[in-house]
Each structure stands twice: as C-alpha cells, then as structure tokens.
Amino acid sequence: MSKNPLAAKVATPYARALYDFSVENNLMHQITADFQNLEVALDENPELIDYLNSPVIGADQKQELLDKTLKSELNNETFKFLSVLVDRERINLLQPIITCYLELVYELASIKMIEVSTAFAFTNLQKNNLIKKLKELTNAREIRLVINVDSSLIGGFLIKTDSKVIDFTVKNQLQLLAKHLDTILEI
C-alpha cells in the first residue's frame, strides 16, 4: 500500500526480481523475515530513511552505513540486494520495494493486507475480533492489519482493502447527516 504510485511502479520490477530469486533459491522465508524486520526498523527510524533518500549523501557513505548497521543483522542475499540498490542509486525506493515484495509473498500465502484507520488505538481484543471477522469476509488464511490512528475521524474506523473501502467513522456519519439535512432544508 504505497503512498507514491510512481515510486511503487519503479519499485515493482526490483521487488519482483527479488521475489523470483528468493523462490528459485529457496530463500523466501529468510528474505521475507529480513524485510518484515527492516520495515519495522525503518518505521521506527525516520532519520535512517532521510539519510538513505538524501541525494546529497554519496553511495559510498550509504553503503558504509548499511555495512555498519545491517550487514550482521540480515541474510547475506538480502544484504547483497540492498548493496545493488545503493550501487544503482535506487536505495531511496527501499520502502516501496519492501511493500511490493511483501505483497507478492502475502498473495502467494493467501495473506491479505488490510489498512485500518481509527480514531483511537484498538485493544488486542478488538484487533483480534476484527481480524476474525475480516478472515470470514475475505476467505484469507491470514490477515495483516496496517493500523493508522487518525484523531480527525472522531470515532469508529475505516477499512481499506485492494478493492473496497468500508467507512464506519463518526466523521463520515456526520458528513452524511449534513448532506441529508442540506437537501431537506433547501425546500
């Protein structure tokens, strides 16, 4: 669920190539685990993303940073892939590549990525109940939730899948009520 469609389009061939390589060499589980961990690490360290995305910082410096921080943490093939991205000056596409790669893996494993926006963070019970209901609705083996907390929604939640948007937010209900009142009061 990339926010930049152009970046996602450029990232797709890289993600597909890595996916095909991981399947051919029986490394899918290791690379997937590396990318899941890397995705969390990048979300927790926006400075790292800024550093890797900076056009002012040279490829040698970016490679040196990766050597120091990630080389010992990642599978050798995953690290080689990151080095190729640095060499080709595509390391700025790391997040969309990770997203696209994980979507390919999840599609193969019948795992659905579902984005949920909510006014307040879910409790574990609420999260588990939502996952259970979404499994029934989508016939997926597993559900991965991407939860965004957005206080402007006032209450409720919004669910986005590949093809549907289901809006249970108070904000939406108020907007619908306002439209209804506008049509009634215009008489």
N, C-alpha and C. Protein backbone atom coordinates (compact mmCIF):
# COMPACT_ATOMS: atom_id res chain seq x y z
N MET A 1 0.82 -1.17 0.00
CA MET A 1 0.00 0.00 0.00
C MET A 1 0.87 1.24 0.00
N SER A 2 1.44 1.43 -1.15
CA SER A 2 2.38 2.53 -1.27
C SER A 2 1.65 3.86 -1.42
N LYS A 3 2.22 4.89 -0.83
CA LYS A 3 1.61 6.21 -0.88
C LYS A 3 1.95 6.93 -2.18
N ASN A 4 3.07 6.57 -2.83
CA ASN A 4 3.50 7.21 -4.06
C ASN A 4 3.40 6.22 -5.21
N PRO A 5 2.42 6.40 -6.11
CA PRO A 5 2.23 5.42 -7.18
C PRO A 5 3.42 5.32 -8.13
N LEU A 6 4.12 6.44 -8.38
CA LEU A 6 5.27 6.40 -9.27
C LEU A 6 6.40 5.57 -8.65
N ALA A 7 6.66 5.79 -7.37
CA ALA A 7 7.70 5.02 -6.68
C ALA A 7 7.33 3.54 -6.68
N ALA A 8 6.06 3.24 -6.47
CA ALA A 8 5.61 1.84 -6.47
C ALA A 8 5.82 1.21 -7.85
N LYS A 9 5.57 1.99 -8.90
CA LYS A 9 5.73 1.47 -10.25
C LYS A 9 7.20 1.17 -10.56
N VAL A 10 8.11 2.06 -10.11
CA VAL A 10 9.54 1.85 -10.34
C VAL A 10 10.06 0.72 -9.45
N ALA A 11 9.49 0.58 -8.24
CA ALA A 11 9.94 -0.42 -7.28
C ALA A 11 9.50 -1.84 -7.66
N THR A 12 8.41 -1.96 -8.37
CA THR A 12 7.83 -3.28 -8.67
C THR A 12 8.80 -4.24 -9.35
N PRO A 13 9.54 -3.84 -10.41
CA PRO A 13 10.47 -4.80 -11.03
C PRO A 13 11.56 -5.29 -10.07
N TYR A 14 12.04 -4.41 -9.20
CA TYR A 14 13.05 -4.82 -8.22
C TYR A 14 12.46 -5.84 -7.24
N ALA A 15 11.25 -5.54 -6.76
CA ALA A 15 10.59 -6.45 -5.81
C ALA A 15 10.30 -7.79 -6.49
N ARG A 16 9.87 -7.74 -7.73
CA ARG A 16 9.55 -8.98 -8.46
C ARG A 16 10.81 -9.82 -8.69
N ALA A 17 11.89 -9.15 -9.05
CA ALA A 17 13.15 -9.86 -9.29
C ALA A 17 13.64 -10.53 -7.99
N LEU A 18 13.55 -9.80 -6.89
CA LEU A 18 13.97 -10.38 -5.61
C LEU A 18 13.05 -11.53 -5.21
N TYR A 19 11.76 -11.36 -5.45
CA TYR A 19 10.80 -12.42 -5.15
C TYR A 19 11.12 -13.68 -5.96
N ASP A 20 11.33 -13.53 -7.25
CA ASP A 20 11.65 -14.68 -8.11
C ASP A 20 12.95 -15.34 -7.65
N PHE A 21 13.95 -14.52 -7.32
CA PHE A 21 15.23 -15.04 -6.83
C PHE A 21 15.02 -15.82 -5.53
N SER A 22 14.22 -15.28 -4.64
CA SER A 22 14.01 -15.94 -3.34
C SER A 22 13.30 -17.28 -3.50
N VAL A 23 12.37 -17.35 -4.46
CA VAL A 23 11.66 -18.61 -4.71
C VAL A 23 12.61 -19.63 -5.33
N GLU A 24 13.37 -19.21 -6.34
CA GLU A 24 14.29 -20.12 -7.04
C GLU A 24 15.37 -20.68 -6.12
N ASN A 25 15.82 -19.87 -5.18
CA ASN A 25 16.91 -20.28 -4.29
C ASN A 25 16.45 -20.71 -2.91
N ASN A 26 15.14 -20.88 -2.77
CA ASN A 26 14.56 -21.35 -1.50
C ASN A 26 14.95 -20.45 -0.32
N LEU A 27 14.90 -19.15 -0.55
CA LEU A 27 15.27 -18.18 0.49
C LEU A 27 14.10 -17.27 0.89
N MET A 28 12.90 -17.62 0.44
CA MET A 28 11.77 -16.72 0.67
C MET A 28 11.54 -16.43 2.15
N HIS A 29 11.62 -17.43 3.00
CA HIS A 29 11.35 -17.22 4.43
C HIS A 29 12.38 -16.28 5.05
N GLN A 30 13.66 -16.47 4.70
CA GLN A 30 14.70 -15.62 5.28
C GLN A 30 14.58 -14.17 4.79
N ILE A 31 14.40 -14.00 3.49
CA ILE A 31 14.30 -12.64 2.94
C ILE A 31 13.02 -11.96 3.42
N THR A 32 11.95 -12.71 3.49
CA THR A 32 10.69 -12.13 4.00
C THR A 32 10.85 -11.69 5.45
N ALA A 33 11.47 -12.51 6.26
CA ALA A 33 11.70 -12.14 7.67
C ALA A 33 12.59 -10.89 7.75
N ASP A 34 13.64 -10.85 6.92
CA ASP A 34 14.52 -9.68 6.88
C ASP A 34 13.72 -8.42 6.52
N PHE A 35 12.89 -8.54 5.49
CA PHE A 35 12.12 -7.37 5.04
C PHE A 35 11.07 -6.95 6.06
N GLN A 36 10.46 -7.91 6.74
CA GLN A 36 9.48 -7.55 7.78
C GLN A 36 10.18 -6.79 8.91
N ASN A 37 11.35 -7.28 9.32
CA ASN A 37 12.12 -6.59 10.37
C ASN A 37 12.63 -5.23 9.90
N LEU A 38 13.06 -5.17 8.65
CA LEU A 38 13.55 -3.93 8.09
C LEU A 38 12.43 -2.89 7.99
N GLU A 39 11.25 -3.35 7.63
CA GLU A 39 10.09 -2.46 7.54
C GLU A 39 9.79 -1.82 8.90
N VAL A 40 9.84 -2.61 9.96
CA VAL A 40 9.62 -2.09 11.31
C VAL A 40 10.74 -1.12 11.69
N ALA A 41 11.97 -1.49 11.40
CA ALA A 41 13.12 -0.64 11.74
C ALA A 41 13.04 0.71 11.03
N LEU A 42 12.64 0.70 9.77
CA LEU A 42 12.53 1.95 9.02
C LEU A 42 11.40 2.81 9.54
N ASP A 43 10.30 2.18 9.94
CA ASP A 43 9.19 2.93 10.52
C ASP A 43 9.59 3.59 11.83
N GLU A 44 10.44 2.91 12.60
CA GLU A 44 10.86 3.43 13.90
C GLU A 44 12.01 4.43 13.79
N ASN A 45 12.70 4.48 12.65
CA ASN A 45 13.86 5.36 12.48
C ASN A 45 13.73 6.20 11.21
N PRO A 46 12.89 7.23 11.23
CA PRO A 46 12.74 8.04 10.01
C PRO A 46 14.04 8.74 9.59
N GLU A 47 14.97 8.94 10.54
CA GLU A 47 16.25 9.57 10.19
C GLU A 47 17.03 8.69 9.21
N LEU A 48 16.93 7.38 9.40
CA LEU A 48 17.61 6.44 8.51
C LEU A 48 17.04 6.56 7.09
N ILE A 49 15.74 6.67 6.99
CA ILE A 49 15.10 6.83 5.67
C ILE A 49 15.57 8.13 5.03
N ASP A 50 15.57 9.22 5.82
CA ASP A 50 16.02 10.51 5.30
C ASP A 50 17.46 10.43 4.80
N TYR A 51 18.32 9.74 5.55
CA TYR A 51 19.73 9.58 5.18
C TYR A 51 19.85 8.82 3.86
N LEU A 52 19.15 7.69 3.76
CA LEU A 52 19.23 6.86 2.55
C LEU A 52 18.61 7.56 1.34
N ASN A 53 17.60 8.40 1.58
CA ASN A 53 16.93 9.09 0.48
C ASN A 53 17.64 10.36 0.05
N SER A 54 18.58 10.83 0.84
CA SER A 54 19.24 12.11 0.56
C SER A 54 20.11 12.04 -0.70
N PRO A 55 19.86 12.95 -1.65
CA PRO A 55 20.71 12.99 -2.86
C PRO A 55 22.08 13.61 -2.58
N VAL A 56 22.23 14.28 -1.45
CA VAL A 56 23.48 14.94 -1.10
C VAL A 56 24.51 13.92 -0.59
N ILE A 57 24.04 12.86 0.02
CA ILE A 57 24.93 11.84 0.60
C ILE A 57 25.29 10.83 -0.49
N GLY A 58 26.57 10.56 -0.62
CA GLY A 58 27.08 9.68 -1.67
C GLY A 58 26.79 8.21 -1.41
N ALA A 59 26.88 7.43 -2.48
CA ALA A 59 26.63 5.99 -2.41
C ALA A 59 27.60 5.29 -1.47
N ASP A 60 28.87 5.75 -1.45
CA ASP A 60 29.87 5.14 -0.56
C ASP A 60 29.48 5.30 0.90
N GLN A 61 28.99 6.49 1.25
CA GLN A 61 28.59 6.74 2.64
C GLN A 61 27.35 5.92 3.01
N LYS A 62 26.42 5.79 2.07
CA LYS A 62 25.22 4.99 2.33
C LYS A 62 25.60 3.52 2.50
N GLN A 63 26.51 3.04 1.65
CA GLN A 63 26.95 1.65 1.75
C GLN A 63 27.67 1.41 3.07
N GLU A 64 28.47 2.38 3.49
CA GLU A 64 29.20 2.27 4.75
C GLU A 64 28.22 2.18 5.94
N LEU A 65 27.17 2.99 5.88
CA LEU A 65 26.15 2.95 6.94
C LEU A 65 25.46 1.57 6.97
N LEU A 66 25.11 1.06 5.80
CA LEU A 66 24.48 -0.26 5.74
C LEU A 66 25.42 -1.35 6.26
N ASP A 67 26.70 -1.24 5.91
CA ASP A 67 27.70 -2.21 6.39
C ASP A 67 27.74 -2.22 7.92
N LYS A 68 27.73 -1.04 8.51
CA LYS A 68 27.84 -0.94 9.97
C LYS A 68 26.56 -1.35 10.69
N THR A 69 25.42 -1.02 10.12
CA THR A 69 24.16 -1.21 10.85
C THR A 69 23.42 -2.50 10.50
N LEU A 70 23.47 -2.93 9.25
CA LEU A 70 22.59 -4.02 8.83
C LEU A 70 23.29 -5.31 8.39
N LYS A 71 24.55 -5.23 8.03
CA LYS A 71 25.22 -6.41 7.47
C LYS A 71 25.14 -7.63 8.38
N SER A 72 25.37 -7.42 9.66
CA SER A 72 25.34 -8.56 10.59
C SER A 72 23.92 -8.99 10.95
N GLU A 73 22.93 -8.15 10.64
CA GLU A 73 21.55 -8.44 11.01
C GLU A 73 20.76 -9.17 9.92
N LEU A 74 21.23 -9.09 8.68
CA LEU A 74 20.46 -9.59 7.54
C LEU A 74 21.10 -10.81 6.90
N ASN A 75 20.26 -11.59 6.24
CA ASN A 75 20.72 -12.68 5.40
C ASN A 75 21.67 -12.09 4.35
N ASN A 76 22.69 -12.84 3.97
CA ASN A 76 23.70 -12.37 3.02
C ASN A 76 23.07 -11.92 1.70
N GLU A 77 22.10 -12.66 1.21
CA GLU A 77 21.46 -12.32 -0.08
C GLU A 77 20.62 -11.06 0.04
N THR A 78 19.96 -10.86 1.16
CA THR A 78 19.20 -9.63 1.38
C THR A 78 20.15 -8.45 1.40
N PHE A 79 21.27 -8.61 2.07
CA PHE A 79 22.24 -7.51 2.15
C PHE A 79 22.82 -7.20 0.77
N LYS A 80 23.10 -8.24 -0.03
CA LYS A 80 23.61 -8.02 -1.39
C LYS A 80 22.59 -7.22 -2.21
N PHE A 81 21.32 -7.54 -2.02
CA PHE A 81 20.26 -6.82 -2.73
C PHE A 81 20.27 -5.33 -2.36
N LEU A 82 20.41 -5.05 -1.06
CA LEU A 82 20.48 -3.65 -0.62
C LEU A 82 21.69 -2.95 -1.22
N SER A 83 22.79 -3.67 -1.33
CA SER A 83 24.00 -3.09 -1.93
C SER A 83 23.79 -2.77 -3.41
N VAL A 84 23.06 -3.63 -4.10
CA VAL A 84 22.74 -3.37 -5.51
C VAL A 84 21.89 -2.10 -5.61
N LEU A 85 20.93 -1.94 -4.69
CA LEU A 85 20.11 -0.73 -4.70
C LEU A 85 20.97 0.52 -4.49
N VAL A 86 21.94 0.43 -3.61
CA VAL A 86 22.85 1.57 -3.38
C VAL A 86 23.66 1.85 -4.64
N ASP A 87 24.22 0.80 -5.24
CA ASP A 87 25.05 0.96 -6.45
C ASP A 87 24.26 1.58 -7.60
N ARG A 88 23.00 1.20 -7.72
CA ARG A 88 22.17 1.71 -8.82
C ARG A 88 21.42 2.98 -8.44
N GLU A 89 21.74 3.52 -7.27
CA GLU A 89 21.10 4.73 -6.76
C GLU A 89 19.58 4.58 -6.69
N ARG A 90 19.15 3.42 -6.21
CA ARG A 90 17.72 3.14 -6.03
C ARG A 90 17.39 2.84 -4.57
N ILE A 91 18.32 3.10 -3.66
CA ILE A 91 18.07 2.82 -2.25
C ILE A 91 16.93 3.68 -1.72
N ASN A 92 16.66 4.80 -2.39
CA ASN A 92 15.53 5.65 -2.00
C ASN A 92 14.18 4.95 -2.22
N LEU A 93 14.18 3.86 -2.97
CA LEU A 93 12.96 3.09 -3.22
C LEU A 93 12.82 1.90 -2.27
N LEU A 94 13.63 1.86 -1.23
CA LEU A 94 13.63 0.70 -0.35
C LEU A 94 12.25 0.43 0.25
N GLN A 95 11.58 1.44 0.77
CA GLN A 95 10.28 1.20 1.39
C GLN A 95 9.24 0.68 0.38
N PRO A 96 9.09 1.30 -0.80
CA PRO A 96 8.14 0.73 -1.77
C PRO A 96 8.53 -0.67 -2.24
N ILE A 97 9.83 -0.94 -2.34
CA ILE A 97 10.27 -2.28 -2.73
C ILE A 97 9.87 -3.29 -1.66
N ILE A 98 10.10 -2.94 -0.40
CA ILE A 98 9.71 -3.83 0.71
C ILE A 98 8.21 -4.09 0.66
N THR A 99 7.44 -3.03 0.51
CA THR A 99 5.97 -3.16 0.47
C THR A 99 5.54 -4.07 -0.67
N CYS A 100 6.08 -3.84 -1.85
CA CYS A 100 5.71 -4.63 -3.03
C CYS A 100 6.14 -6.09 -2.86
N TYR A 101 7.34 -6.32 -2.36
CA TYR A 101 7.83 -7.68 -2.15
C TYR A 101 6.92 -8.42 -1.16
N LEU A 102 6.60 -7.77 -0.05
CA LEU A 102 5.75 -8.42 0.96
C LEU A 102 4.35 -8.68 0.41
N GLU A 103 3.84 -7.79 -0.43
CA GLU A 103 2.53 -8.03 -1.05
C GLU A 103 2.57 -9.28 -1.93
N LEU A 104 3.67 -9.47 -2.67
CA LEU A 104 3.81 -10.67 -3.50
C LEU A 104 3.83 -11.93 -2.64
N VAL A 105 4.57 -11.88 -1.55
CA VAL A 105 4.67 -13.04 -0.66
C VAL A 105 3.31 -13.32 -0.02
N TYR A 106 2.65 -12.26 0.45
CA TYR A 106 1.35 -12.44 1.11
C TYR A 106 0.30 -12.96 0.14
N GLU A 107 0.37 -12.52 -1.11
CA GLU A 107 -0.57 -13.01 -2.11
C GLU A 107 -0.38 -14.52 -2.32
N LEU A 108 0.86 -14.94 -2.39
CA LEU A 108 1.16 -16.36 -2.56
C LEU A 108 0.65 -17.17 -1.36
N ALA A 109 0.79 -16.61 -0.17
CA ALA A 109 0.40 -17.32 1.05
C ALA A 109 -1.05 -17.08 1.45
N SER A 110 -1.82 -16.41 0.60
CA SER A 110 -3.21 -16.08 0.90
C SER A 110 -3.32 -15.25 2.18
N ILE A 111 -2.43 -14.27 2.28
CA ILE A 111 -2.45 -13.34 3.41
C ILE A 111 -2.91 -12.00 2.85
N LYS A 112 -3.93 -11.44 3.44
CA LYS A 112 -4.46 -10.15 2.98
C LYS A 112 -3.89 -9.02 3.83
N MET A 113 -3.43 -7.98 3.14
CA MET A 113 -3.01 -6.74 3.81
C MET A 113 -4.22 -5.82 3.81
N ILE A 114 -4.64 -5.41 5.00
CA ILE A 114 -5.79 -4.53 5.12
C ILE A 114 -5.40 -3.32 5.95
N GLU A 115 -5.67 -2.15 5.39
CA GLU A 115 -5.36 -0.91 6.08
C GLU A 115 -6.58 -0.46 6.87
N VAL A 116 -6.36 -0.15 8.14
CA VAL A 116 -7.45 0.29 9.02
C VAL A 116 -7.05 1.63 9.63
N SER A 117 -7.91 2.62 9.44
CA SER A 117 -7.70 3.92 10.09
C SER A 117 -8.72 4.03 11.20
N THR A 118 -8.27 4.44 12.36
CA THR A 118 -9.14 4.50 13.52
C THR A 118 -8.85 5.78 14.32
N ALA A 119 -9.85 6.26 15.03
CA ALA A 119 -9.68 7.47 15.84
C ALA A 119 -8.83 7.18 17.08
N PHE A 120 -8.95 5.97 17.61
CA PHE A 120 -8.22 5.57 18.80
C PHE A 120 -7.61 4.19 18.57
N ALA A 121 -6.50 3.92 19.19
CA ALA A 121 -5.83 2.62 19.03
C ALA A 121 -6.75 1.49 19.49
N PHE A 122 -6.71 0.38 18.78
CA PHE A 122 -7.50 -0.80 19.14
C PHE A 122 -6.88 -1.53 20.32
N THR A 123 -7.73 -2.14 21.13
CA THR A 123 -7.23 -3.07 22.14
C THR A 123 -6.91 -4.38 21.42
N ASN A 124 -6.19 -5.27 22.07
CA ASN A 124 -5.90 -6.57 21.45
C ASN A 124 -7.16 -7.35 21.16
N LEU A 125 -8.14 -7.29 22.05
CA LEU A 125 -9.40 -7.99 21.84
C LEU A 125 -10.11 -7.45 20.60
N GLN A 126 -10.18 -6.12 20.48
CA GLN A 126 -10.82 -5.52 19.31
C GLN A 126 -10.09 -5.90 18.02
N LYS A 127 -8.76 -5.88 18.07
CA LYS A 127 -7.94 -6.23 16.90
C LYS A 127 -8.20 -7.68 16.50
N ASN A 128 -8.21 -8.57 17.48
CA ASN A 128 -8.43 -10.00 17.19
C ASN A 128 -9.83 -10.24 16.64
N ASN A 129 -10.84 -9.55 17.19
CA ASN A 129 -12.21 -9.69 16.68
C ASN A 129 -12.32 -9.17 15.24
N LEU A 130 -11.66 -8.06 14.96
CA LEU A 130 -11.68 -7.51 13.61
C LEU A 130 -10.99 -8.47 12.64
N ILE A 131 -9.85 -9.02 13.02
CA ILE A 131 -9.13 -9.97 12.17
C ILE A 131 -10.01 -11.20 11.89
N LYS A 132 -10.66 -11.69 12.92
CA LYS A 132 -11.54 -12.86 12.77
C LYS A 132 -12.66 -12.58 11.77
N LYS A 133 -13.29 -11.41 11.90
CA LYS A 133 -14.40 -11.05 11.01
C LYS A 133 -13.88 -10.84 9.58
N LEU A 134 -12.72 -10.21 9.44
CA LEU A 134 -12.16 -9.97 8.11
C LEU A 134 -11.75 -11.27 7.43
N LYS A 135 -11.28 -12.24 8.21
CA LYS A 135 -10.96 -13.55 7.63
C LYS A 135 -12.21 -14.19 7.02
N GLU A 136 -13.33 -14.07 7.74
CA GLU A 136 -14.58 -14.62 7.23
C GLU A 136 -15.02 -13.92 5.95
N LEU A 137 -14.89 -12.61 5.93
CA LEU A 137 -15.35 -11.83 4.77
C LEU A 137 -14.46 -12.01 3.54
N THR A 138 -13.15 -12.19 3.74
CA THR A 138 -12.22 -12.23 2.60
C THR A 138 -11.79 -13.65 2.22
N ASN A 139 -12.11 -14.62 3.05
CA ASN A 139 -11.66 -16.01 2.82
C ASN A 139 -10.14 -16.13 2.78
N ALA A 140 -9.46 -15.25 3.49
CA ALA A 140 -7.99 -15.30 3.56
C ALA A 140 -7.57 -16.22 4.70
N ARG A 141 -6.41 -16.85 4.52
CA ARG A 141 -5.87 -17.69 5.59
C ARG A 141 -5.40 -16.84 6.76
N GLU A 142 -4.84 -15.67 6.42
CA GLU A 142 -4.32 -14.78 7.46
C GLU A 142 -4.55 -13.34 7.05
N ILE A 143 -4.70 -12.48 8.04
CA ILE A 143 -4.92 -11.06 7.83
C ILE A 143 -3.77 -10.30 8.49
N ARG A 144 -3.19 -9.36 7.74
CA ARG A 144 -2.18 -8.45 8.30
C ARG A 144 -2.80 -7.07 8.32
N LEU A 145 -2.96 -6.50 9.50
CA LEU A 145 -3.53 -5.17 9.62
C LEU A 145 -2.44 -4.10 9.62
N VAL A 146 -2.67 -3.06 8.88
CA VAL A 146 -1.84 -1.86 8.92
C VAL A 146 -2.73 -0.81 9.57
N ILE A 147 -2.45 -0.49 10.82
CA ILE A 147 -3.33 0.39 11.59
C ILE A 147 -2.76 1.79 11.66
N ASN A 148 -3.58 2.76 11.26
CA ASN A 148 -3.23 4.17 11.34
C ASN A 148 -4.19 4.84 12.32
N VAL A 149 -3.67 5.55 13.29
CA VAL A 149 -4.52 6.29 14.22
C VAL A 149 -4.67 7.71 13.70
N ASP A 150 -5.92 8.11 13.46
CA ASP A 150 -6.23 9.43 12.92
C ASP A 150 -7.35 10.04 13.75
N SER A 151 -7.00 10.96 14.64
CA SER A 151 -7.98 11.52 15.57
C SER A 151 -9.05 12.35 14.86
N SER A 152 -8.82 12.76 13.60
CA SER A 152 -9.82 13.55 12.88
C SER A 152 -11.06 12.72 12.53
N LEU A 153 -10.97 11.41 12.67
CA LEU A 153 -12.11 10.54 12.37
C LEU A 153 -13.17 10.60 13.48
N ILE A 154 -12.86 11.17 14.60
CA ILE A 154 -13.71 11.37 15.77
C ILE A 154 -13.99 10.06 16.50
N GLY A 155 -14.42 9.06 15.79
CA GLY A 155 -14.70 7.74 16.37
C GLY A 155 -14.90 6.74 15.25
N GLY A 156 -14.97 5.47 15.59
CA GLY A 156 -15.17 4.44 14.60
C GLY A 156 -13.88 4.11 13.86
N PHE A 157 -14.04 3.48 12.67
CA PHE A 157 -12.86 3.10 11.89
C PHE A 157 -13.20 3.00 10.42
N LEU A 158 -12.15 3.03 9.60
CA LEU A 158 -12.24 2.95 8.15
C LEU A 158 -11.37 1.79 7.70
N ILE A 159 -11.93 0.89 6.88
CA ILE A 159 -11.20 -0.28 6.40
C ILE A 159 -10.96 -0.13 4.90
N LYS A 160 -9.69 -0.31 4.48
CA LYS A 160 -9.35 -0.25 3.06
C LYS A 160 -8.69 -1.56 2.66
N THR A 161 -9.25 -2.20 1.65
CA THR A 161 -8.61 -3.36 1.05
C THR A 161 -8.26 -2.97 -0.39
N ASP A 162 -7.84 -3.93 -1.18
CA ASP A 162 -7.47 -3.63 -2.55
C ASP A 162 -8.62 -3.00 -3.33
N SER A 163 -9.83 -3.51 -3.12
CA SER A 163 -10.94 -3.09 -3.96
C SER A 163 -12.09 -2.42 -3.21
N LYS A 164 -12.03 -2.36 -1.90
CA LYS A 164 -13.17 -1.82 -1.15
C LYS A 164 -12.71 -0.85 -0.07
N VAL A 165 -13.59 0.10 0.23
CA VAL A 165 -13.43 0.99 1.37
C VAL A 165 -14.71 0.90 2.17
N ILE A 166 -14.59 0.53 3.43
CA ILE A 166 -15.74 0.44 4.32
C ILE A 166 -15.55 1.48 5.42
N ASP A 167 -16.47 2.43 5.49
CA ASP A 167 -16.32 3.58 6.38
C ASP A 167 -17.33 3.52 7.52
N PHE A 168 -16.84 3.22 8.72
CA PHE A 168 -17.67 3.20 9.93
C PHE A 168 -17.29 4.34 10.86
N THR A 169 -16.79 5.46 10.30
CA THR A 169 -16.31 6.55 11.14
C THR A 169 -17.44 7.50 11.50
N VAL A 170 -17.32 8.13 12.64
CA VAL A 170 -18.29 9.14 13.07
C VAL A 170 -18.23 10.32 12.11
N LYS A 171 -17.03 10.67 11.67
CA LYS A 171 -16.85 11.78 10.73
C LYS A 171 -17.69 11.57 9.48
N ASN A 172 -17.65 10.37 8.92
CA ASN A 172 -18.44 10.04 7.73
C ASN A 172 -19.93 10.12 8.02
N GLN A 173 -20.33 9.59 9.16
CA GLN A 173 -21.75 9.62 9.52
C GLN A 173 -22.25 11.06 9.65
N LEU A 174 -21.41 11.94 10.24
CA LEU A 174 -21.77 13.35 10.38
C LEU A 174 -21.86 14.03 9.01
N GLN A 175 -20.95 13.68 8.10
CA GLN A 175 -20.99 14.26 6.76
C GLN A 175 -22.25 13.83 6.01
N LEU A 176 -22.60 12.55 6.15
CA LEU A 176 -23.83 12.05 5.51
C LEU A 176 -25.06 12.74 6.08
N LEU A 177 -25.08 12.94 7.40
CA LEU A 177 -26.19 13.62 8.05
C LEU A 177 -26.27 15.07 7.57
N ALA A 178 -25.13 15.74 7.45
CA ALA A 178 -25.10 17.12 6.97
C ALA A 178 -25.64 17.22 5.55
N LYS A 179 -25.28 16.31 4.68
CA LYS A 179 -25.79 16.30 3.30
C LYS A 179 -27.29 16.10 3.30
N HIS A 180 -27.74 15.16 4.14
CA HIS A 180 -29.18 14.88 4.22
C HIS A 180 -29.94 16.11 4.70
N LEU A 181 -29.41 16.77 5.71
CA LEU A 181 -30.07 17.97 6.24
C LEU A 181 -30.05 19.09 5.20
N ASP A 182 -28.96 19.21 4.44
CA ASP A 182 -28.89 20.23 3.38
C ASP A 182 -29.99 20.04 2.35
N THR A 183 -30.23 18.79 1.96
CA THR A 183 -31.27 18.52 0.95
C THR A 183 -32.66 18.80 1.52
N ILE A 184 -32.87 18.51 2.80
CA ILE A 184 -34.18 18.73 3.43
C ILE A 184 -34.44 20.23 3.62
N LEU A 185 -33.43 20.95 4.07
CA LEU A 185 -33.58 22.36 4.41
C LEU A 185 -33.60 23.28 3.20
N GLU A 186 -33.26 22.78 2.02
CA GLU A 186 -33.26 23.61 0.82
C GLU A 186 -34.66 23.83 0.27
N ILE A 187 -35.64 23.16 0.78
CA ILE A 187 -37.01 23.27 0.27
C ILE A 187 -37.61 24.61 0.52
